[in-house]
Amino acid sequence: MAASGPARLTAEFWVRAYLARLRLAAIPAYVIARGDATAGAVVVKISTLDGRAQVFQRSFDPGSGARAWMVLAEGAEAVVDGALDRQRARDPDLWVIEVEDRAGRTLLDEPGLAD
């Protein structure tokens, strides 16, 4: 049987690996909403614990066409949470990971997470 291309990680596997990387860096993170274990999209909310937040989603960079983490929403945490609620209403299979770090570290720019 011929392979049809590279195997794609399941959403749940990626989330578990991401949470483990954050734990190793002593960055608190929580699964706020569980999506479809196999094919659910993942968004990452970073709360800087000062009333501000950002949400990142995986998308295609318009310049290069490569997959990249792009800002979906940013600003006051209440506004960002509203954007997440609307996104979840449209996509019930969406995973939401909340990262809490005063310095705004998500590790999404690190090898294995960035690409």
PDB file of N, CA and C in Angstrom:
ATOM      1  N   MET A   1       0.838  -1.168   0.000  1.00  0.00           N
ATOM      2  CA  MET A   1       0.000   0.000   0.000  1.00  0.00           C
ATOM      3  C   MET A   1       0.893   1.244   0.000  1.00  0.00           C
ATOM      4  N   ALA A   2       0.711   2.134  -0.940  1.00  0.00           N
ATOM      5  CA  ALA A   2       1.555   3.318  -1.065  1.00  0.00           C
ATOM      6  C   ALA A   2       1.096   4.402  -0.103  1.00  0.00           C
ATOM      7  N   ALA A   3       2.058   5.120   0.422  1.00  0.00           N
ATOM      8  CA  ALA A   3       1.751   6.239   1.321  1.00  0.00           C
ATOM      9  C   ALA A   3       1.233   7.403   0.489  1.00  0.00           C
ATOM     10  N   SER A   4       0.324   8.157   1.068  1.00  0.00           N
ATOM     11  CA  SER A   4      -0.265   9.278   0.331  1.00  0.00           C
ATOM     12  C   SER A   4       0.333  10.618   0.746  1.00  0.00           C
ATOM     13  N   GLY A   5       1.474  10.615   1.367  1.00  0.00           N
ATOM     14  CA  GLY A   5       2.104  11.859   1.804  1.00  0.00           C
ATOM     15  C   GLY A   5       2.475  11.755   3.268  1.00  0.00           C
ATOM     16  N   PRO A   6       3.037  12.836   3.809  1.00  0.00           N
ATOM     17  CA  PRO A   6       3.470  12.782   5.200  1.00  0.00           C
ATOM     18  C   PRO A   6       2.263  12.660   6.134  1.00  0.00           C
ATOM     19  N   ALA A   7       2.468  11.911   7.205  1.00  0.00           N
ATOM     20  CA  ALA A   7       1.397  11.746   8.187  1.00  0.00           C
ATOM     21  C   ALA A   7       1.162  13.070   8.896  1.00  0.00           C
ATOM     22  N   ARG A   8      -0.090  13.359   9.157  1.00  0.00           N
ATOM     23  CA  ARG A   8      -0.454  14.593   9.835  1.00  0.00           C
ATOM     24  C   ARG A   8      -0.713  14.285  11.299  1.00  0.00           C
ATOM     25  N   LEU A   9      -0.165  15.108  12.176  1.00  0.00           N
ATOM     26  CA  LEU A   9      -0.402  14.927  13.605  1.00  0.00           C
ATOM     27  C   LEU A   9      -1.857  15.207  13.926  1.00  0.00           C
ATOM     28  N   THR A  10      -2.405  14.452  14.846  1.00  0.00           N
ATOM     29  CA  THR A  10      -3.751  14.769  15.294  1.00  0.00           C
ATOM     30  C   THR A  10      -3.705  16.018  16.159  1.00  0.00           C
ATOM     31  N   ALA A  11      -4.819  16.705  16.259  1.00  0.00           N
ATOM     32  CA  ALA A  11      -4.890  17.917  17.079  1.00  0.00           C
ATOM     33  C   ALA A  11      -4.565  17.591  18.535  1.00  0.00           C
ATOM     34  N   GLU A  12      -5.121  16.508  19.044  1.00  0.00           N
ATOM     35  CA  GLU A  12      -4.889  16.156  20.446  1.00  0.00           C
ATOM     36  C   GLU A  12      -3.412  15.860  20.712  1.00  0.00           C
ATOM     37  N   PHE A  13      -2.747  15.167  19.802  1.00  0.00           N
ATOM     38  CA  PHE A  13      -1.322  14.870  19.962  1.00  0.00           C
ATOM     39  C   PHE A  13      -0.521  16.170  19.993  1.00  0.00           C
ATOM     40  N   TRP A  14      -0.823  17.104  19.063  1.00  0.00           N
ATOM     41  CA  TRP A  14      -0.118  18.380  19.014  1.00  0.00           C
ATOM     42  C   TRP A  14      -0.326  19.156  20.314  1.00  0.00           C
ATOM     43  N   VAL A  15      -1.559  19.189  20.807  1.00  0.00           N
ATOM     44  CA  VAL A  15      -1.862  19.915  22.045  1.00  0.00           C
ATOM     45  C   VAL A  15      -1.077  19.328  23.210  1.00  0.00           C
ATOM     46  N   ARG A  16      -1.050  18.012  23.329  1.00  0.00           N
ATOM     47  CA  ARG A  16      -0.295  17.378  24.427  1.00  0.00           C
ATOM     48  C   ARG A  16       1.194  17.710  24.343  1.00  0.00           C
ATOM     49  N   ALA A  17       1.747  17.656  23.139  1.00  0.00           N
ATOM     50  CA  ALA A  17       3.170  17.972  22.967  1.00  0.00           C
ATOM     51  C   ALA A  17       3.435  19.446  23.295  1.00  0.00           C
ATOM     52  N   TYR A  18       2.553  20.329  22.863  1.00  0.00           N
ATOM     53  CA  TYR A  18       2.700  21.762  23.133  1.00  0.00           C
ATOM     54  C   TYR A  18       2.643  22.036  24.636  1.00  0.00           C
ATOM     55  N   LEU A  19       1.690  21.439  25.328  1.00  0.00           N
ATOM     56  CA  LEU A  19       1.581  21.637  26.773  1.00  0.00           C
ATOM     57  C   LEU A  19       2.828  21.115  27.492  1.00  0.00           C
ATOM     58  N   ALA A  20       3.383  20.012  27.016  1.00  0.00           N
ATOM     59  CA  ALA A  20       4.613  19.478  27.612  1.00  0.00           C
ATOM     60  C   ALA A  20       5.777  20.453  27.421  1.00  0.00           C
ATOM     61  N   ARG A  21       5.902  21.043  26.233  1.00  0.00           N
ATOM     62  CA  ARG A  21       6.969  22.026  25.978  1.00  0.00           C
ATOM     63  C   ARG A  21       6.813  23.233  26.892  1.00  0.00           C
ATOM     64  N   LEU A  22       5.588  23.692  27.067  1.00  0.00           N
ATOM     65  CA  LEU A  22       5.338  24.833  27.954  1.00  0.00           C
ATOM     66  C   LEU A  22       5.698  24.483  29.398  1.00  0.00           C
ATOM     67  N   ARG A  23       5.321  23.283  29.848  1.00  0.00           N
ATOM     68  CA  ARG A  23       5.653  22.855  31.212  1.00  0.00           C
ATOM     69  C   ARG A  23       7.156  22.850  31.426  1.00  0.00           C
ATOM     70  N   LEU A  24       7.906  22.352  30.429  1.00  0.00           N
ATOM     71  CA  LEU A  24       9.370  22.319  30.545  1.00  0.00           C
ATOM     72  C   LEU A  24       9.961  23.725  30.687  1.00  0.00           C
ATOM     73  N   ALA A  25       9.284  24.719  30.126  1.00  0.00           N
ATOM     74  CA  ALA A  25       9.740  26.108  30.220  1.00  0.00           C
ATOM     75  C   ALA A  25       9.102  26.832  31.415  1.00  0.00           C
ATOM     76  N   ALA A  26       8.381  26.091  32.255  1.00  0.00           N
ATOM     77  CA  ALA A  26       7.711  26.648  33.437  1.00  0.00           C
ATOM     78  C   ALA A  26       6.726  27.756  33.068  1.00  0.00           C
ATOM     79  N   ILE A  27       5.998  27.538  31.958  1.00  0.00           N
ATOM     80  CA  ILE A  27       4.976  28.487  31.505  1.00  0.00           C
ATOM     81  C   ILE A  27       3.622  27.820  31.714  1.00  0.00           C
ATOM     82  N   PRO A  28       2.779  28.385  32.583  1.00  0.00           N
ATOM     83  CA  PRO A  28       1.463  27.785  32.821  1.00  0.00           C
ATOM     84  C   PRO A  28       0.570  27.849  31.583  1.00  0.00           C
ATOM     85  N   ALA A  29      -0.154  26.759  31.334  1.00  0.00           N
ATOM     86  CA  ALA A  29      -1.075  26.701  30.193  1.00  0.00           C
ATOM     87  C   ALA A  29      -2.195  25.726  30.516  1.00  0.00           C
ATOM     88  N   TYR A  30      -3.356  26.000  29.922  1.00  0.00           N
ATOM     89  CA  TYR A  30      -4.548  25.223  30.213  1.00  0.00           C
ATOM     90  C   TYR A  30      -5.339  24.994  28.937  1.00  0.00           C
ATOM     91  N   VAL A  31      -6.004  23.850  28.859  1.00  0.00           N
ATOM     92  CA  VAL A  31      -6.942  23.595  27.765  1.00  0.00           C
ATOM     93  C   VAL A  31      -8.273  24.205  28.201  1.00  0.00           C
ATOM     94  N   ILE A  32      -8.681  25.264  27.526  1.00  0.00           N
ATOM     95  CA  ILE A  32      -9.925  25.958  27.852  1.00  0.00           C
ATOM     96  C   ILE A  32     -11.109  25.285  27.141  1.00  0.00           C
ATOM     97  N   ALA A  33     -10.873  24.804  25.926  1.00  0.00           N
ATOM     98  CA  ALA A  33     -11.917  24.118  25.167  1.00  0.00           C
ATOM     99  C   ALA A  33     -11.274  22.983  24.381  1.00  0.00           C
ATOM    100  N   ARG A  34     -11.847  21.798  24.505  1.00  0.00           N
ATOM    101  CA  ARG A  34     -11.382  20.634  23.754  1.00  0.00           C
ATOM    102  C   ARG A  34     -12.150  20.561  22.443  1.00  0.00           C
ATOM    103  N   GLY A  35     -11.414  20.466  21.370  1.00  0.00           N
ATOM    104  CA  GLY A  35     -12.028  20.329  20.059  1.00  0.00           C
ATOM    105  C   GLY A  35     -12.011  18.886  19.613  1.00  0.00           C
ATOM    106  N   ASP A  36     -12.191  18.678  18.328  1.00  0.00           N
ATOM    107  CA  ASP A  36     -12.132  17.343  17.748  1.00  0.00           C
ATOM    108  C   ASP A  36     -10.725  16.789  17.935  1.00  0.00           C
ATOM    109  N   ALA A  37     -10.625  15.593  18.478  1.00  0.00           N
ATOM    110  CA  ALA A  37      -9.324  15.004  18.803  1.00  0.00           C
ATOM    111  C   ALA A  37      -8.454  14.784  17.568  1.00  0.00           C
ATOM    112  N   THR A  38      -9.075  14.534  16.436  1.00  0.00           N
ATOM    113  CA  THR A  38      -8.318  14.212  15.237  1.00  0.00           C
ATOM    114  C   THR A  38      -8.012  15.428  14.386  1.00  0.00           C
ATOM    115  N   ALA A  39      -9.028  16.187  14.051  1.00  0.00           N
ATOM    116  CA  ALA A  39      -8.843  17.232  13.044  1.00  0.00           C
ATOM    117  C   ALA A  39      -9.234  18.626  13.503  1.00  0.00           C
ATOM    118  N   GLY A  40      -9.467  18.824  14.780  1.00  0.00           N
ATOM    119  CA  GLY A  40      -9.847  20.156  15.244  1.00  0.00           C
ATOM    120  C   GLY A  40      -8.718  21.157  15.077  1.00  0.00           C
ATOM    121  N   ALA A  41      -9.076  22.382  14.748  1.00  0.00           N
ATOM    122  CA  ALA A  41      -8.095  23.458  14.678  1.00  0.00           C
ATOM    123  C   ALA A  41      -7.724  23.865  16.101  1.00  0.00           C
ATOM    124  N   VAL A  42      -6.548  24.481  16.253  1.00  0.00           N
ATOM    125  CA  VAL A  42      -6.058  24.901  17.564  1.00  0.00           C
ATOM    126  C   VAL A  42      -5.782  26.395  17.528  1.00  0.00           C
ATOM    127  N   VAL A  43      -6.255  27.112  18.550  1.00  0.00           N
ATOM    128  CA  VAL A  43      -5.878  28.505  18.743  1.00  0.00           C
ATOM    129  C   VAL A  43      -5.204  28.609  20.103  1.00  0.00           C
ATOM    130  N   VAL A  44      -4.273  29.545  20.203  1.00  0.00           N
ATOM    131  CA  VAL A  44      -3.530  29.755  21.437  1.00  0.00           C
ATOM    132  C   VAL A  44      -3.763  31.177  21.907  1.00  0.00           C
ATOM    133  N   LYS A  45      -4.286  31.298  23.124  1.00  0.00           N
ATOM    134  CA  LYS A  45      -4.492  32.607  23.740  1.00  0.00           C
ATOM    135  C   LYS A  45      -3.354  32.830  24.727  1.00  0.00           C
ATOM    136  N   ILE A  46      -2.704  33.980  24.639  1.00  0.00           N
ATOM    137  CA  ILE A  46      -1.685  34.349  25.604  1.00  0.00           C
ATOM    138  C   ILE A  46      -2.227  35.489  26.449  1.00  0.00           C
ATOM    139  N   SER A  47      -2.291  35.255  27.753  1.00  0.00           N
ATOM    140  CA  SER A  47      -2.706  36.275  28.701  1.00  0.00           C
ATOM    141  C   SER A  47      -1.449  36.747  29.426  1.00  0.00           C
ATOM    142  N   THR A  48      -1.201  38.052  29.369  1.00  0.00           N
ATOM    143  CA  THR A  48      -0.016  38.608  30.039  1.00  0.00           C
ATOM    144  C   THR A  48      -0.331  39.042  31.465  1.00  0.00           C
ATOM    145  N   LEU A  49      -1.502  38.683  31.952  1.00  0.00           N
ATOM    146  CA  LEU A  49      -1.906  38.893  33.339  1.00  0.00           C
ATOM    147  C   LEU A  49      -1.968  40.369  33.742  1.00  0.00           C
ATOM    148  N   ASP A  50      -2.153  41.235  32.745  1.00  0.00           N
ATOM    149  CA  ASP A  50      -2.296  42.669  33.003  1.00  0.00           C
ATOM    150  C   ASP A  50      -3.577  43.208  32.354  1.00  0.00           C
ATOM    151  N   GLY A  51      -4.507  42.279  32.045  1.00  0.00           N
ATOM    152  CA  GLY A  51      -5.753  42.667  31.411  1.00  0.00           C
ATOM    153  C   GLY A  51      -5.704  42.648  29.895  1.00  0.00           C
ATOM    154  N   ARG A  52      -4.557  42.268  29.316  1.00  0.00           N
ATOM    155  CA  ARG A  52      -4.392  42.223  27.862  1.00  0.00           C
ATOM    156  C   ARG A  52      -4.150  40.785  27.429  1.00  0.00           C
ATOM    157  N   ALA A  53      -4.489  40.520  26.169  1.00  0.00           N
ATOM    158  CA  ALA A  53      -4.316  39.163  25.641  1.00  0.00           C
ATOM    159  C   ALA A  53      -4.209  39.208  24.122  1.00  0.00           C
ATOM    160  N   GLN A  54      -3.731  38.112  23.564  1.00  0.00           N
ATOM    161  CA  GLN A  54      -3.673  37.890  22.120  1.00  0.00           C
ATOM    162  C   GLN A  54      -4.107  36.462  21.856  1.00  0.00           C
ATOM    163  N   VAL A  55      -4.672  36.235  20.674  1.00  0.00           N
ATOM    164  CA  VAL A  55      -4.999  34.881  20.242  1.00  0.00           C
ATOM    165  C   VAL A  55      -4.313  34.645  18.905  1.00  0.00           C
ATOM    166  N   PHE A  56      -3.649  33.498  18.807  1.00  0.00           N
ATOM    167  CA  PHE A  56      -2.960  33.102  17.581  1.00  0.00           C
ATOM    168  C   PHE A  56      -3.667  31.908  16.967  1.00  0.00           C
ATOM    169  N   GLN A  57      -3.764  31.919  15.637  1.00  0.00           N
ATOM    170  CA  GLN A  57      -4.302  30.773  14.913  1.00  0.00           C
ATOM    171  C   GLN A  57      -3.321  30.383  13.826  1.00  0.00           C
ATOM    172  N   ARG A  58      -3.348  29.118  13.466  1.00  0.00           N
ATOM    173  CA  ARG A  58      -2.490  28.608  12.405  1.00  0.00           C
ATOM    174  C   ARG A  58      -3.111  28.977  11.072  1.00  0.00           C
ATOM    175  N   SER A  59      -2.351  29.608  10.208  1.00  0.00           N
ATOM    176  CA  SER A  59      -2.865  30.045   8.919  1.00  0.00           C
ATOM    177  C   SER A  59      -1.735  29.999   7.910  1.00  0.00           C
ATOM    178  N   PHE A  60      -2.036  30.431   6.697  1.00  0.00           N
ATOM    179  CA  PHE A  60      -1.008  30.495   5.663  1.00  0.00           C
ATOM    180  C   PHE A  60      -0.536  31.930   5.516  1.00  0.00           C
ATOM    181  N   ASP A  61       0.769  32.125   5.558  1.00  0.00           N
ATOM    182  CA  ASP A  61       1.352  33.454   5.386  1.00  0.00           C
ATOM    183  C   ASP A  61       1.104  33.902   3.950  1.00  0.00           C
ATOM    184  N   PRO A  62       0.443  35.062   3.758  1.00  0.00           N
ATOM    185  CA  PRO A  62       0.130  35.506   2.398  1.00  0.00           C
ATOM    186  C   PRO A  62       1.374  35.760   1.544  1.00  0.00           C
ATOM    187  N   GLY A  63       2.476  36.139   2.165  1.00  0.00           N
ATOM    188  CA  GLY A  63       3.696  36.427   1.417  1.00  0.00           C
ATOM    189  C   GLY A  63       4.408  35.183   0.918  1.00  0.00           C
ATOM    190  N   SER A  64       4.585  34.205   1.826  1.00  0.00           N
ATOM    191  CA  SER A  64       5.370  33.025   1.474  1.00  0.00           C
ATOM    192  C   SER A  64       4.517  31.796   1.165  1.00  0.00           C
ATOM    193  N   GLY A  65       3.284  31.790   1.632  1.00  0.00           N
ATOM    194  CA  GLY A  65       2.435  30.617   1.451  1.00  0.00           C
ATOM    195  C   GLY A  65       2.690  29.536   2.490  1.00  0.00           C
ATOM    196  N   ALA A  66       3.679  29.761   3.354  1.00  0.00           N
ATOM    197  CA  ALA A  66       4.000  28.787   4.401  1.00  0.00           C
ATOM    198  C   ALA A  66       3.003  28.907   5.551  1.00  0.00           C
ATOM    199  N   ARG A  67       2.826  27.801   6.269  1.00  0.00           N
ATOM    200  CA  ARG A  67       1.972  27.854   7.458  1.00  0.00           C
ATOM    201  C   ARG A  67       2.682  28.667   8.535  1.00  0.00           C
ATOM    202  N   ALA A  68       1.905  29.494   9.229  1.00  0.00           N
ATOM    203  CA  ALA A  68       2.472  30.349  10.267  1.00  0.00           C
ATOM    204  C   ALA A  68       1.403  30.662  11.301  1.00  0.00           C
ATOM    205  N   TRP A  69       1.825  31.037  12.488  1.00  0.00           N
ATOM    206  CA  TRP A  69       0.913  31.480  13.536  1.00  0.00           C
ATOM    207  C   TRP A  69       0.632  32.956  13.313  1.00  0.00           C
ATOM    208  N   MET A  70      -0.639  33.293  13.136  1.00  0.00           N
ATOM    209  CA  MET A  70      -1.058  34.671  12.874  1.00  0.00           C
ATOM    210  C   MET A  70      -1.966  35.141  14.005  1.00  0.00           C
ATOM    211  N   VAL A  71      -1.957  36.449  14.268  1.00  0.00           N
ATOM    212  CA  VAL A  71      -2.806  37.011  15.316  1.00  0.00           C
ATOM    213  C   VAL A  71      -4.256  37.030  14.832  1.00  0.00           C
ATOM    214  N   LEU A  72      -5.130  36.402  15.587  1.00  0.00           N
ATOM    215  CA  LEU A  72      -6.564  36.386  15.303  1.00  0.00           C
ATOM    216  C   LEU A  72      -7.248  37.552  16.016  1.00  0.00           C
ATOM    217  N   ALA A  73      -6.813  37.845  17.248  1.00  0.00           N
ATOM    218  CA  ALA A  73      -7.392  38.940  18.032  1.00  0.00           C
ATOM    219  C   ALA A  73      -6.369  39.381  19.062  1.00  0.00           C
ATOM    220  N   GLU A  74      -6.425  40.674  19.420  1.00  0.00           N
ATOM    221  CA  GLU A  74      -5.550  41.177  20.482  1.00  0.00           C
ATOM    222  C   GLU A  74      -6.180  42.406  21.096  1.00  0.00           C
ATOM    223  N   GLY A  75      -5.812  42.661  22.347  1.00  0.00           N
ATOM    224  CA  GLY A  75      -6.328  43.831  23.043  1.00  0.00           C
ATOM    225  C   GLY A  75      -6.722  43.488  24.457  1.00  0.00           C
ATOM    226  N   ALA A  76      -7.748  44.180  24.954  1.00  0.00           N
ATOM    227  CA  ALA A  76      -8.248  43.905  26.299  1.00  0.00           C
ATOM    228  C   ALA A  76      -8.710  42.453  26.367  1.00  0.00           C
ATOM    229  N   GLU A  77      -8.417  41.798  27.478  1.00  0.00           N
ATOM    230  CA  GLU A  77      -8.718  40.372  27.578  1.00  0.00           C
ATOM    231  C   GLU A  77     -10.205  40.082  27.372  1.00  0.00           C
ATOM    232  N   ALA A  78     -11.081  40.940  27.850  1.00  0.00           N
ATOM    233  CA  ALA A  78     -12.523  40.725  27.664  1.00  0.00           C
ATOM    234  C   ALA A  78     -12.903  40.761  26.185  1.00  0.00           C
ATOM    235  N   VAL A  79     -12.271  41.638  25.413  1.00  0.00           N
ATOM    236  CA  VAL A  79     -12.540  41.722  23.973  1.00  0.00           C
ATOM    237  C   VAL A  79     -12.023  40.466  23.272  1.00  0.00           C
ATOM    238  N   VAL A  80     -10.847  40.024  23.660  1.00  0.00           N
ATOM    239  CA  VAL A  80     -10.257  38.816  23.077  1.00  0.00           C
ATOM    240  C   VAL A  80     -11.117  37.596  23.409  1.00  0.00           C
ATOM    241  N   ASP A  81     -11.599  37.520  24.654  1.00  0.00           N
ATOM    242  CA  ASP A  81     -12.469  36.402  25.033  1.00  0.00           C
ATOM    243  C   ASP A  81     -13.759  36.409  24.213  1.00  0.00           C
ATOM    244  N   GLY A  82     -14.293  37.592  23.913  1.00  0.00           N
ATOM    245  CA  GLY A  82     -15.481  37.692  23.062  1.00  0.00           C
ATOM    246  C   GLY A  82     -15.212  37.162  21.667  1.00  0.00           C
ATOM    247  N   ALA A  83     -14.037  37.484  21.118  1.00  0.00           N
ATOM    248  CA  ALA A  83     -13.660  36.977  19.796  1.00  0.00           C
ATOM    249  C   ALA A  83     -13.538  35.453  19.824  1.00  0.00           C
ATOM    250  N   LEU A  84     -12.987  34.916  20.903  1.00  0.00           N
ATOM    251  CA  LEU A  84     -12.881  33.457  21.032  1.00  0.00           C
ATOM    252  C   LEU A  84     -14.254  32.808  21.131  1.00  0.00           C
ATOM    253  N   ASP A  85     -15.163  33.425  21.869  1.00  0.00           N
ATOM    254  CA  ASP A  85     -16.528  32.887  21.977  1.00  0.00           C
ATOM    255  C   ASP A  85     -17.194  32.827  20.603  1.00  0.00           C
ATOM    256  N   ARG A  86     -17.021  33.889  19.814  1.00  0.00           N
ATOM    257  CA  ARG A  86     -17.607  33.908  18.463  1.00  0.00           C
ATOM    258  C   ARG A  86     -16.978  32.835  17.583  1.00  0.00           C
ATOM    259  N   GLN A  87     -15.673  32.668  17.689  1.00  0.00           N
ATOM    260  CA  GLN A  87     -14.964  31.656  16.907  1.00  0.00           C
ATOM    261  C   GLN A  87     -15.446  30.257  17.290  1.00  0.00           C
ATOM    262  N   ARG A  88     -15.618  30.004  18.588  1.00  0.00           N
ATOM    263  CA  ARG A  88     -16.091  28.698  19.051  1.00  0.00           C
ATOM    264  C   ARG A  88     -17.527  28.437  18.605  1.00  0.00           C
ATOM    265  N   ALA A  89     -18.347  29.499  18.520  1.00  0.00           N
ATOM    266  CA  ALA A  89     -19.732  29.332  18.056  1.00  0.00           C
ATOM    267  C   ALA A  89     -19.757  28.887  16.596  1.00  0.00           C
ATOM    268  N   ARG A  90     -18.779  29.369  15.808  1.00  0.00           N
ATOM    269  CA  ARG A  90     -18.695  28.981  14.395  1.00  0.00           C
ATOM    270  C   ARG A  90     -18.030  27.623  14.205  1.00  0.00           C
ATOM    271  N   ASP A  91     -17.138  27.258  15.125  1.00  0.00           N
ATOM    272  CA  ASP A  91     -16.356  26.033  14.975  1.00  0.00           C
ATOM    273  C   ASP A  91     -16.311  25.280  16.301  1.00  0.00           C
ATOM    274  N   PRO A  92     -17.283  24.414  16.568  1.00  0.00           N
ATOM    275  CA  PRO A  92     -17.305  23.688  17.837  1.00  0.00           C
ATOM    276  C   PRO A  92     -16.160  22.677  17.983  1.00  0.00           C
ATOM    277  N   ASP A  93     -15.433  22.385  16.903  1.00  0.00           N
ATOM    278  CA  ASP A  93     -14.299  21.455  16.964  1.00  0.00           C
ATOM    279  C   ASP A  93     -12.992  22.157  17.329  1.00  0.00           C
ATOM    280  N   LEU A  94     -13.055  23.435  17.650  1.00  0.00           N
ATOM    281  CA  LEU A  94     -11.879  24.256  17.926  1.00  0.00           C
ATOM    282  C   LEU A  94     -11.305  23.965  19.308  1.00  0.00           C
ATOM    283  N   TRP A  95      -9.984  23.781  19.360  1.00  0.00           N
ATOM    284  CA  TRP A  95      -9.259  23.685  20.624  1.00  0.00           C
ATOM    285  C   TRP A  95      -8.835  25.093  21.014  1.00  0.00           C
ATOM    286  N   VAL A  96      -8.961  25.429  22.297  1.00  0.00           N
ATOM    287  CA  VAL A  96      -8.479  26.710  22.806  1.00  0.00           C
ATOM    288  C   VAL A  96      -7.505  26.421  23.944  1.00  0.00           C
ATOM    289  N   ILE A  97      -6.270  26.857  23.759  1.00  0.00           N
ATOM    290  CA  ILE A  97      -5.233  26.711  24.777  1.00  0.00           C
ATOM    291  C   ILE A  97      -4.955  28.100  25.339  1.00  0.00           C
ATOM    292  N   GLU A  98      -4.993  28.252  26.648  1.00  0.00           N
ATOM    293  CA  GLU A  98      -4.655  29.536  27.264  1.00  0.00           C
ATOM    294  C   GLU A  98      -3.308  29.418  27.948  1.00  0.00           C
ATOM    295  N   VAL A  99      -2.410  30.324  27.580  1.00  0.00           N
ATOM    296  CA  VAL A  99      -1.074  30.408  28.148  1.00  0.00           C
ATOM    297  C   VAL A  99      -1.042  31.660  29.014  1.00  0.00           C
ATOM    298  N   GLU A 100      -0.479  31.553  30.213  1.00  0.00           N
ATOM    299  CA  GLU A 100      -0.364  32.706  31.095  1.00  0.00           C
ATOM    300  C   GLU A 100       1.110  32.999  31.326  1.00  0.00           C
ATOM    301  N   ASP A 101       1.544  34.143  30.830  1.00  0.00           N
ATOM    302  CA  ASP A 101       2.952  34.511  30.979  1.00  0.00           C
ATOM    303  C   ASP A 101       3.084  36.025  30.890  1.00  0.00           C
ATOM    304  N   ARG A 102       3.605  36.646  31.920  1.00  0.00           N
ATOM    305  CA  ARG A 102       3.751  38.108  31.960  1.00  0.00           C
ATOM    306  C   ARG A 102       4.618  38.630  30.814  1.00  0.00           C
ATOM    307  N   ALA A 103       5.582  37.819  30.372  1.00  0.00           N
ATOM    308  CA  ALA A 103       6.477  38.232  29.279  1.00  0.00           C
ATOM    309  C   ALA A 103       5.869  37.940  27.903  1.00  0.00           C
ATOM    310  N   GLY A 104       4.715  37.295  27.859  1.00  0.00           N
ATOM    311  CA  GLY A 104       4.058  37.015  26.581  1.00  0.00           C
ATOM    312  C   GLY A 104       4.648  35.858  25.807  1.00  0.00           C
ATOM    313  N   ARG A 105       5.369  34.963  26.478  1.00  0.00           N
ATOM    314  CA  ARG A 105       5.988  33.822  25.788  1.00  0.00           C
ATOM    315  C   ARG A 105       4.946  32.759  25.462  1.00  0.00           C
ATOM    316  N   THR A 106       4.947  32.305  24.204  1.00  0.00           N
ATOM    317  CA  THR A 106       4.072  31.215  23.773  1.00  0.00           C
ATOM    318  C   THR A 106       4.863  30.021  23.263  1.00  0.00           C
ATOM    319  N   LEU A 107       6.107  30.225  22.908  1.00  0.00           N
ATOM    320  CA  LEU A 107       6.990  29.223  22.288  1.00  0.00           C
ATOM    321  C   LEU A 107       6.575  28.873  20.867  1.00  0.00           C
ATOM    322  N   LEU A 108       5.560  29.551  20.321  1.00  0.00           N
ATOM    323  CA  LEU A 108       5.074  29.227  18.979  1.00  0.00           C
ATOM    324  C   LEU A 108       6.103  29.530  17.897  1.00  0.00           C
ATOM    325  N   ASP A 109       7.138  30.295  18.231  1.00  0.00           N
ATOM    326  CA  ASP A 109       8.178  30.609  17.251  1.00  0.00           C
ATOM    327  C   ASP A 109       9.340  29.612  17.292  1.00  0.00           C
ATOM    328  N   GLU A 110       9.242  28.592  18.143  1.00  0.00           N
ATOM    329  CA  GLU A 110      10.319  27.610  18.270  1.00  0.00           C
ATOM    330  C   GLU A 110      10.190  26.495  17.230  1.00  0.00           C
ATOM    331  N   PRO A 111      11.319  25.872  16.871  1.00  0.00           N
ATOM    332  CA  PRO A 111      11.295  24.770  15.903  1.00  0.00           C
ATOM    333  C   PRO A 111      10.322  23.671  16.338  1.00  0.00           C
ATOM    334  N   GLY A 112       9.579  23.160  15.388  1.00  0.00           N
ATOM    335  CA  GLY A 112       8.591  22.139  15.667  1.00  0.00           C
ATOM    336  C   GLY A 112       7.226  22.708  15.985  1.00  0.00           C
ATOM    337  N   LEU A 113       7.183  23.941  16.441  1.00  0.00           N
ATOM    338  CA  LEU A 113       5.906  24.611  16.711  1.00  0.00           C
ATOM    339  C   LEU A 113       5.652  25.694  15.683  1.00  0.00           C
ATOM    340  N   ALA A 114       6.718  26.318  15.204  1.00  0.00           N
ATOM    341  CA  ALA A 114       6.593  27.420  14.249  1.00  0.00           C
ATOM    342  C   ALA A 114       6.259  26.925  12.856  1.00  0.00           C
ATOM    343  N   ASP A 115       6.765  25.765  12.486  1.00  0.00           N
ATOM    344  CA  ASP A 115       6.574  25.285  11.101  1.00  0.00           C
ATOM    345  C   ASP A 115       5.495  24.262  10.976  1.00  0.00           C
TER     346      ASP A 115
END
